[in-house]
N, C-alpha and C. Protein backbone atom coordinates (compact mmCIF):
# COMPACT_ATOMS: atom_id res chain seq x y z
N MET A 1 89.76 32.97 28.78
CA MET A 1 91.09 32.48 29.29
C MET A 1 91.92 31.58 28.46
N LYS A 2 93.20 32.03 28.33
CA LYS A 2 93.92 31.02 27.52
C LYS A 2 94.12 29.66 28.08
N LEU A 3 94.60 29.61 29.30
CA LEU A 3 94.71 28.87 30.27
C LEU A 3 93.48 27.73 29.93
N ASP A 4 92.27 27.96 30.02
CA ASP A 4 91.50 27.17 29.79
C ASP A 4 91.48 26.19 28.29
N ASN A 5 92.00 27.31 27.55
CA ASN A 5 91.66 26.53 26.33
C ASN A 5 93.04 25.69 25.79
N PHE A 6 93.98 26.22 26.50
CA PHE A 6 95.50 25.19 26.55
C PHE A 6 94.70 23.80 27.06
N ILE A 7 94.20 23.81 28.29
CA ILE A 7 93.81 22.54 29.24
C ILE A 7 92.97 21.71 28.06
N ALA A 8 91.49 22.66 27.43
CA ALA A 8 91.09 21.78 26.48
C ALA A 8 91.70 21.19 25.40
N SER A 9 92.89 21.69 24.81
CA SER A 9 93.58 21.36 24.07
C SER A 9 94.52 19.65 24.12
N LEU A 10 94.86 20.09 25.72
CA LEU A 10 95.64 18.86 26.17
C LEU A 10 94.61 17.41 26.50
N LYS A 11 93.52 18.02 26.96
CA LYS A 11 92.33 16.89 26.72
C LYS A 11 91.96 16.55 25.60
N GLU A 12 91.66 17.22 24.98
CA GLU A 12 91.59 16.65 23.47
C GLU A 12 92.78 15.87 22.98
N ASN A 13 94.03 16.35 22.62
CA ASN A 13 95.11 15.50 22.38
C ASN A 13 95.32 14.22 23.29
N LYS A 14 94.70 13.90 24.50
CA LYS A 14 94.67 12.83 25.53
C LYS A 14 95.67 12.92 26.41
N ILE A 15 96.34 13.87 26.35
CA ILE A 15 97.92 14.67 27.02
C ILE A 15 97.29 14.23 28.52
N ASP A 16 97.71 13.16 29.37
CA ASP A 16 97.80 13.49 30.95
C ASP A 16 98.32 14.68 31.65
N TYR A 17 97.20 14.90 32.27
CA TYR A 17 97.62 16.33 33.37
C TYR A 17 97.10 16.25 34.30
N LEU A 18 97.21 17.32 35.62
CA LEU A 18 96.65 17.37 36.54
C LEU A 18 96.26 18.77 36.63
N LEU A 19 95.51 19.31 37.50
CA LEU A 19 94.90 20.36 37.76
C LEU A 19 95.18 20.97 39.46
N CYS A 20 96.12 22.13 39.56
CA CYS A 20 96.37 22.17 40.63
C CYS A 20 97.41 21.65 41.39
N GLU A 21 97.91 20.97 40.88
CA GLU A 21 98.75 20.02 41.73
C GLU A 21 100.32 20.29 42.35
N PRO A 22 100.12 19.55 43.63
CA PRO A 22 101.01 20.60 44.81
C PRO A 22 102.32 20.12 44.47
N MET A 23 103.31 21.05 44.16
CA MET A 23 105.13 20.43 43.57
C MET A 23 105.54 20.14 44.69
N ARG A 24 105.51 20.21 45.89
CA ARG A 24 105.71 19.07 46.76
C ARG A 24 106.19 18.27 46.98
N ASN A 25 105.61 17.23 46.05
CA ASN A 25 104.93 16.22 45.44
C ASN A 25 106.39 15.83 44.53
N HIS A 26 106.65 16.64 43.83
CA HIS A 26 107.76 16.13 42.66
C HIS A 26 108.79 17.14 43.04
N THR A 27 109.11 17.29 44.22
CA THR A 27 110.47 17.68 44.34
C THR A 27 111.17 17.28 45.59
N SER A 28 112.64 17.11 45.38
CA SER A 28 113.34 16.35 46.75
C SER A 28 113.03 16.89 47.95
N PHE A 29 112.62 18.44 48.40
CA PHE A 29 112.76 19.38 49.68
C PHE A 29 111.36 19.10 49.96
N LYS A 30 110.42 18.88 48.91
CA LYS A 30 108.90 18.31 49.69
C LYS A 30 108.21 19.88 49.87
N ILE A 31 108.87 20.88 49.14
CA ILE A 31 108.26 22.01 48.90
C ILE A 31 107.67 22.96 48.08
N GLY A 32 106.63 23.50 48.15
CA GLY A 32 106.42 24.39 47.04
C GLY A 32 104.98 24.30 47.11
N GLY A 33 104.35 25.23 46.68
CA GLY A 33 103.05 25.45 46.31
C GLY A 33 102.84 24.57 44.78
N ASP A 34 101.19 25.19 44.30
CA ASP A 34 100.32 24.07 43.38
C ASP A 34 100.85 24.70 41.74
N ALA A 35 101.21 23.88 41.37
CA ALA A 35 101.03 23.89 39.56
C ALA A 35 99.85 24.17 38.83
N ASP A 36 99.37 25.50 38.43
CA ASP A 36 98.16 25.14 37.38
C ASP A 36 97.66 24.12 37.04
N VAL A 37 98.64 23.54 35.81
CA VAL A 37 98.76 22.10 35.15
C VAL A 37 100.12 21.70 35.62
N PHE A 38 99.21 20.40 35.66
CA PHE A 38 100.97 19.25 35.70
C PHE A 38 101.09 18.48 34.31
N ILE A 39 101.63 18.62 33.76
CA ILE A 39 101.54 17.62 32.46
C ILE A 39 102.42 16.73 32.38
N LYS A 40 102.01 14.90 32.36
CA LYS A 40 102.70 14.07 32.51
C LYS A 40 102.97 12.86 30.88
N VAL A 41 103.71 13.98 30.16
CA VAL A 41 104.09 13.51 29.18
C VAL A 41 104.45 12.08 29.09
N LYS A 42 103.90 11.06 27.89
CA LYS A 42 104.62 9.49 27.77
C LYS A 42 105.70 9.82 27.14
N ASN A 43 106.21 10.70 25.99
CA ASN A 43 106.99 10.16 25.20
C ASN A 43 107.40 11.65 24.20
N ILE A 44 108.23 11.22 23.33
CA ILE A 44 108.92 12.84 22.80
C ILE A 44 107.61 13.80 22.16
N ASP A 45 106.79 12.82 21.57
CA ASP A 45 105.55 13.51 20.80
C ASP A 45 104.70 14.22 21.18
N GLU A 46 104.23 13.70 22.31
CA GLU A 46 103.76 14.61 23.01
C GLU A 46 104.07 15.56 23.95
N LEU A 47 105.48 15.16 24.48
CA LEU A 47 106.62 16.57 24.83
C LEU A 47 106.34 17.67 24.04
N THR A 48 106.62 17.60 22.65
CA THR A 48 106.51 18.22 21.38
C THR A 48 105.24 19.16 21.47
N LEU A 49 104.28 18.45 21.51
CA LEU A 49 102.80 19.05 21.56
C LEU A 49 102.42 19.44 22.74
N ALA A 50 102.92 19.34 23.76
CA ALA A 50 102.38 20.21 25.01
C ALA A 50 103.30 21.18 24.75
N ILE A 51 104.62 21.65 24.59
CA ILE A 51 105.21 22.28 24.27
C ILE A 51 104.42 23.49 23.43
N LYS A 52 104.18 23.14 22.35
CA LYS A 52 103.54 23.75 21.04
C LYS A 52 102.61 24.40 21.57
N LYS A 53 101.28 23.23 22.05
CA LYS A 53 100.36 24.00 22.80
C LYS A 53 99.96 25.29 23.76
N ALA A 54 101.26 24.83 24.56
CA ALA A 54 102.02 26.11 25.54
C ALA A 54 101.92 27.68 24.94
N LYS A 55 102.96 26.98 24.05
CA LYS A 55 103.13 28.57 22.91
C LYS A 55 101.61 28.85 22.55
N ASP A 56 101.06 28.18 21.61
CA ASP A 56 99.85 28.58 20.76
C ASP A 56 98.99 29.75 22.12
N PHE A 57 98.95 28.97 22.81
CA PHE A 57 97.93 29.33 23.94
C PHE A 57 98.67 30.26 24.75
N CYS A 58 99.71 30.77 24.80
CA CYS A 58 100.76 31.76 25.60
C CYS A 58 100.96 31.21 26.89
N VAL A 59 100.66 30.48 26.90
CA VAL A 59 100.87 29.79 28.21
C VAL A 59 102.37 29.09 29.13
N PRO A 60 102.52 30.34 29.60
CA PRO A 60 104.13 29.82 30.29
C PRO A 60 104.57 28.51 30.77
N TYR A 61 105.52 27.55 30.38
CA TYR A 61 105.56 26.58 30.96
C TYR A 61 107.02 26.17 31.53
N PHE A 62 106.96 25.09 32.47
CA PHE A 62 108.59 24.96 33.11
C PHE A 62 109.09 23.31 32.92
N ILE A 63 110.11 22.84 32.25
CA ILE A 63 110.45 21.26 31.91
C ILE A 63 110.69 21.16 33.34
N LEU A 64 110.38 19.97 33.84
CA LEU A 64 111.14 19.00 35.08
C LEU A 64 111.26 18.08 34.93
N GLY A 65 112.47 17.71 35.29
CA GLY A 65 113.03 16.26 35.15
C GLY A 65 112.87 15.88 36.79
N LYS A 66 113.62 15.74 37.49
CA LYS A 66 113.21 14.29 38.55
C LYS A 66 112.89 15.50 39.83
N GLY A 67 113.15 16.80 39.48
CA GLY A 67 113.17 17.68 40.70
C GLY A 67 113.73 17.75 42.00
N SER A 68 115.04 17.59 41.64
CA SER A 68 116.06 17.27 42.84
C SER A 68 116.54 18.89 42.81
N ASN A 69 117.19 19.40 43.77
CA ASN A 69 117.70 20.87 43.91
C ASN A 69 116.74 21.55 43.56
N LEU A 70 115.69 21.67 43.47
CA LEU A 70 114.49 22.58 43.31
C LEU A 70 113.56 23.16 44.20
N LEU A 71 113.89 24.40 44.45
CA LEU A 71 112.86 24.70 45.42
C LEU A 71 112.09 25.90 44.79
N VAL A 72 110.51 25.62 45.20
CA VAL A 72 109.63 26.02 44.26
C VAL A 72 108.85 26.96 45.49
N SER A 73 108.00 27.88 45.22
CA SER A 73 107.72 29.51 45.98
C SER A 73 106.45 28.55 46.16
N ASP A 74 106.20 28.74 47.82
CA ASP A 74 104.70 28.72 48.15
C ASP A 74 103.55 28.92 47.73
N ASN A 75 103.47 29.61 46.73
CA ASN A 75 102.91 30.67 45.78
C ASN A 75 102.68 29.60 44.31
N GLY A 76 103.36 28.63 44.17
CA GLY A 76 102.87 28.05 42.95
C GLY A 76 103.93 28.04 41.40
N ILE A 77 103.67 27.51 40.68
CA ILE A 77 104.07 27.65 39.45
C ILE A 77 102.82 28.36 38.65
N GLU A 78 102.82 29.28 38.18
CA GLU A 78 101.77 29.68 37.09
C GLU A 78 101.85 29.07 35.75
N GLY A 79 101.07 28.78 35.11
CA GLY A 79 101.14 28.56 34.00
C GLY A 79 101.05 26.63 34.32
N ALA A 80 101.79 26.12 33.14
CA ALA A 80 102.46 24.32 33.27
C ALA A 80 103.44 24.10 33.59
N VAL A 81 103.79 22.71 34.19
CA VAL A 81 104.86 22.37 34.54
C VAL A 81 105.14 20.83 33.57
N ILE A 82 105.98 20.46 32.96
CA ILE A 82 105.74 19.44 32.18
C ILE A 82 107.05 18.19 32.62
N SER A 83 106.44 17.11 33.29
CA SER A 83 107.17 16.32 33.74
C SER A 83 107.62 15.64 32.63
N LEU A 84 109.05 15.30 32.63
CA LEU A 84 110.03 14.29 31.69
C LEU A 84 109.64 12.61 32.47
N LEU A 85 109.39 12.90 33.70
CA LEU A 85 109.88 11.30 34.42
C LEU A 85 109.76 10.11 33.44
N ALA A 86 108.36 10.46 32.40
CA ALA A 86 108.83 8.79 31.42
C ALA A 86 109.77 8.74 30.77
N LEU A 87 110.21 9.79 30.28
CA LEU A 87 111.34 9.51 29.09
C LEU A 87 112.15 9.42 29.95
N ASP A 88 112.75 7.81 30.29
CA ASP A 88 113.95 7.59 31.35
C ASP A 88 114.61 6.49 30.64
N GLU A 89 114.76 6.29 29.09
CA GLU A 89 115.41 5.43 28.43
C GLU A 89 116.51 5.54 28.44
N ILE A 90 117.41 4.88 28.87
CA ILE A 90 118.86 4.39 28.69
C ILE A 90 119.32 3.38 27.76
N SER A 91 120.62 3.79 26.97
CA SER A 91 120.82 2.83 25.68
C SER A 91 122.33 2.72 25.69
N VAL A 92 122.95 1.89 25.37
CA VAL A 92 124.29 1.99 25.08
C VAL A 92 125.10 1.29 23.74
N ASP A 93 125.84 2.28 23.01
CA ASP A 93 125.92 1.73 21.86
C ASP A 93 127.91 1.67 21.90
N GLY A 94 128.69 0.65 21.92
CA GLY A 94 129.88 0.70 22.03
C GLY A 94 130.10 1.17 23.03
N ASP A 95 130.72 2.21 23.14
CA ASP A 95 131.50 3.38 24.02
C ASP A 95 130.59 4.38 24.02
N MET A 96 129.28 4.38 23.72
CA MET A 96 128.39 5.95 23.22
C MET A 96 127.42 5.36 24.33
N LEU A 97 126.82 6.18 25.41
CA LEU A 97 125.66 5.76 26.26
C LEU A 97 124.64 6.76 26.01
N THR A 98 123.56 6.32 25.90
CA THR A 98 122.58 7.93 25.37
C THR A 98 121.59 7.72 26.06
N CYS A 99 121.04 8.80 26.89
CA CYS A 99 119.94 8.57 27.54
C CYS A 99 119.22 9.89 27.88
N SER A 100 117.64 9.87 27.69
CA SER A 100 116.51 10.55 27.51
C SER A 100 116.69 11.42 28.70
N ALA A 101 116.32 12.58 28.55
CA ALA A 101 116.35 13.92 29.75
C ALA A 101 115.57 13.33 31.29
N GLY A 102 114.67 12.24 31.21
CA GLY A 102 114.04 12.06 32.68
C GLY A 102 114.51 11.09 32.98
N ALA A 103 115.69 10.18 32.42
CA ALA A 103 116.57 9.30 33.04
C ALA A 103 117.26 9.72 34.55
N ALA A 104 116.95 8.80 35.31
CA ALA A 104 117.66 9.08 36.78
C ALA A 104 119.05 9.33 36.77
N LEU A 105 119.82 10.18 37.12
CA LEU A 105 121.17 10.15 37.04
C LEU A 105 121.95 8.80 37.66
N SER A 106 121.32 8.11 38.54
CA SER A 106 122.00 6.83 39.47
C SER A 106 121.91 5.76 38.26
N SER A 107 120.41 5.77 37.68
CA SER A 107 120.38 4.62 36.44
C SER A 107 121.31 4.78 35.50
N VAL A 108 121.68 6.42 34.79
CA VAL A 108 122.77 6.36 33.86
C VAL A 108 124.04 5.99 34.33
N CYS A 109 124.39 6.23 35.36
CA CYS A 109 125.76 5.98 35.86
C CYS A 109 125.64 4.12 36.29
N ARG A 110 125.00 3.37 36.61
CA ARG A 110 124.93 2.49 36.78
C ARG A 110 124.79 1.17 35.75
N ALA A 111 124.64 2.11 34.50
CA ALA A 111 124.68 1.61 32.87
C ALA A 111 125.78 1.92 32.30
N ALA A 112 126.38 3.00 32.98
CA ALA A 112 127.95 2.97 32.35
C ALA A 112 128.52 2.22 33.38
N LEU A 113 128.77 2.10 34.79
CA LEU A 113 129.39 0.87 35.63
C LEU A 113 129.20 -0.22 34.72
N ASP A 114 127.83 -0.80 34.48
CA ASP A 114 127.52 -2.07 34.02
C ASP A 114 128.15 -2.13 32.64
N ASN A 115 128.80 -1.04 32.12
CA ASN A 115 129.20 -1.36 30.25
C ASN A 115 130.68 -0.94 30.38
N SER A 116 131.54 -0.53 31.69
CA SER A 116 132.84 -0.27 31.75
C SER A 116 133.07 1.05 31.03
N LEU A 117 131.89 1.87 31.19
CA LEU A 117 132.07 3.42 30.49
C LEU A 117 132.49 4.49 31.84
N SER A 118 133.46 4.97 31.07
CA SER A 118 133.84 6.54 32.52
C SER A 118 133.54 7.76 31.48
N GLY A 119 133.64 8.52 32.09
CA GLY A 119 133.97 10.07 31.13
C GLY A 119 132.53 10.78 31.09
N LEU A 120 131.71 10.54 32.01
CA LEU A 120 130.40 10.81 31.63
C LEU A 120 130.39 12.76 31.54
């Protein structure tokens, strides 16, 4: 089975994952069935590798941010969910604010406010 090979490749590459993870633990509405595989990447390299492996093994994947305004079926998600929560860097250089995809909107707004920036 391709999913088994995919999981073995995650383990081999030391990428953190959970099996049959309830999506209700990761959405603001607290609903949803299980994801076959829930991946918690720690950096861009792991994200890139997880996506590559999913494609290599023809495993469908879904990229998850904070899980707000996301409705997941009680049937769950087939394949992999890749969480970006650890990718939460925010930096300000002059009037340029840059943030990673997992940054919380409230944190981005706070950084903008603290640096007198507008026009998100």
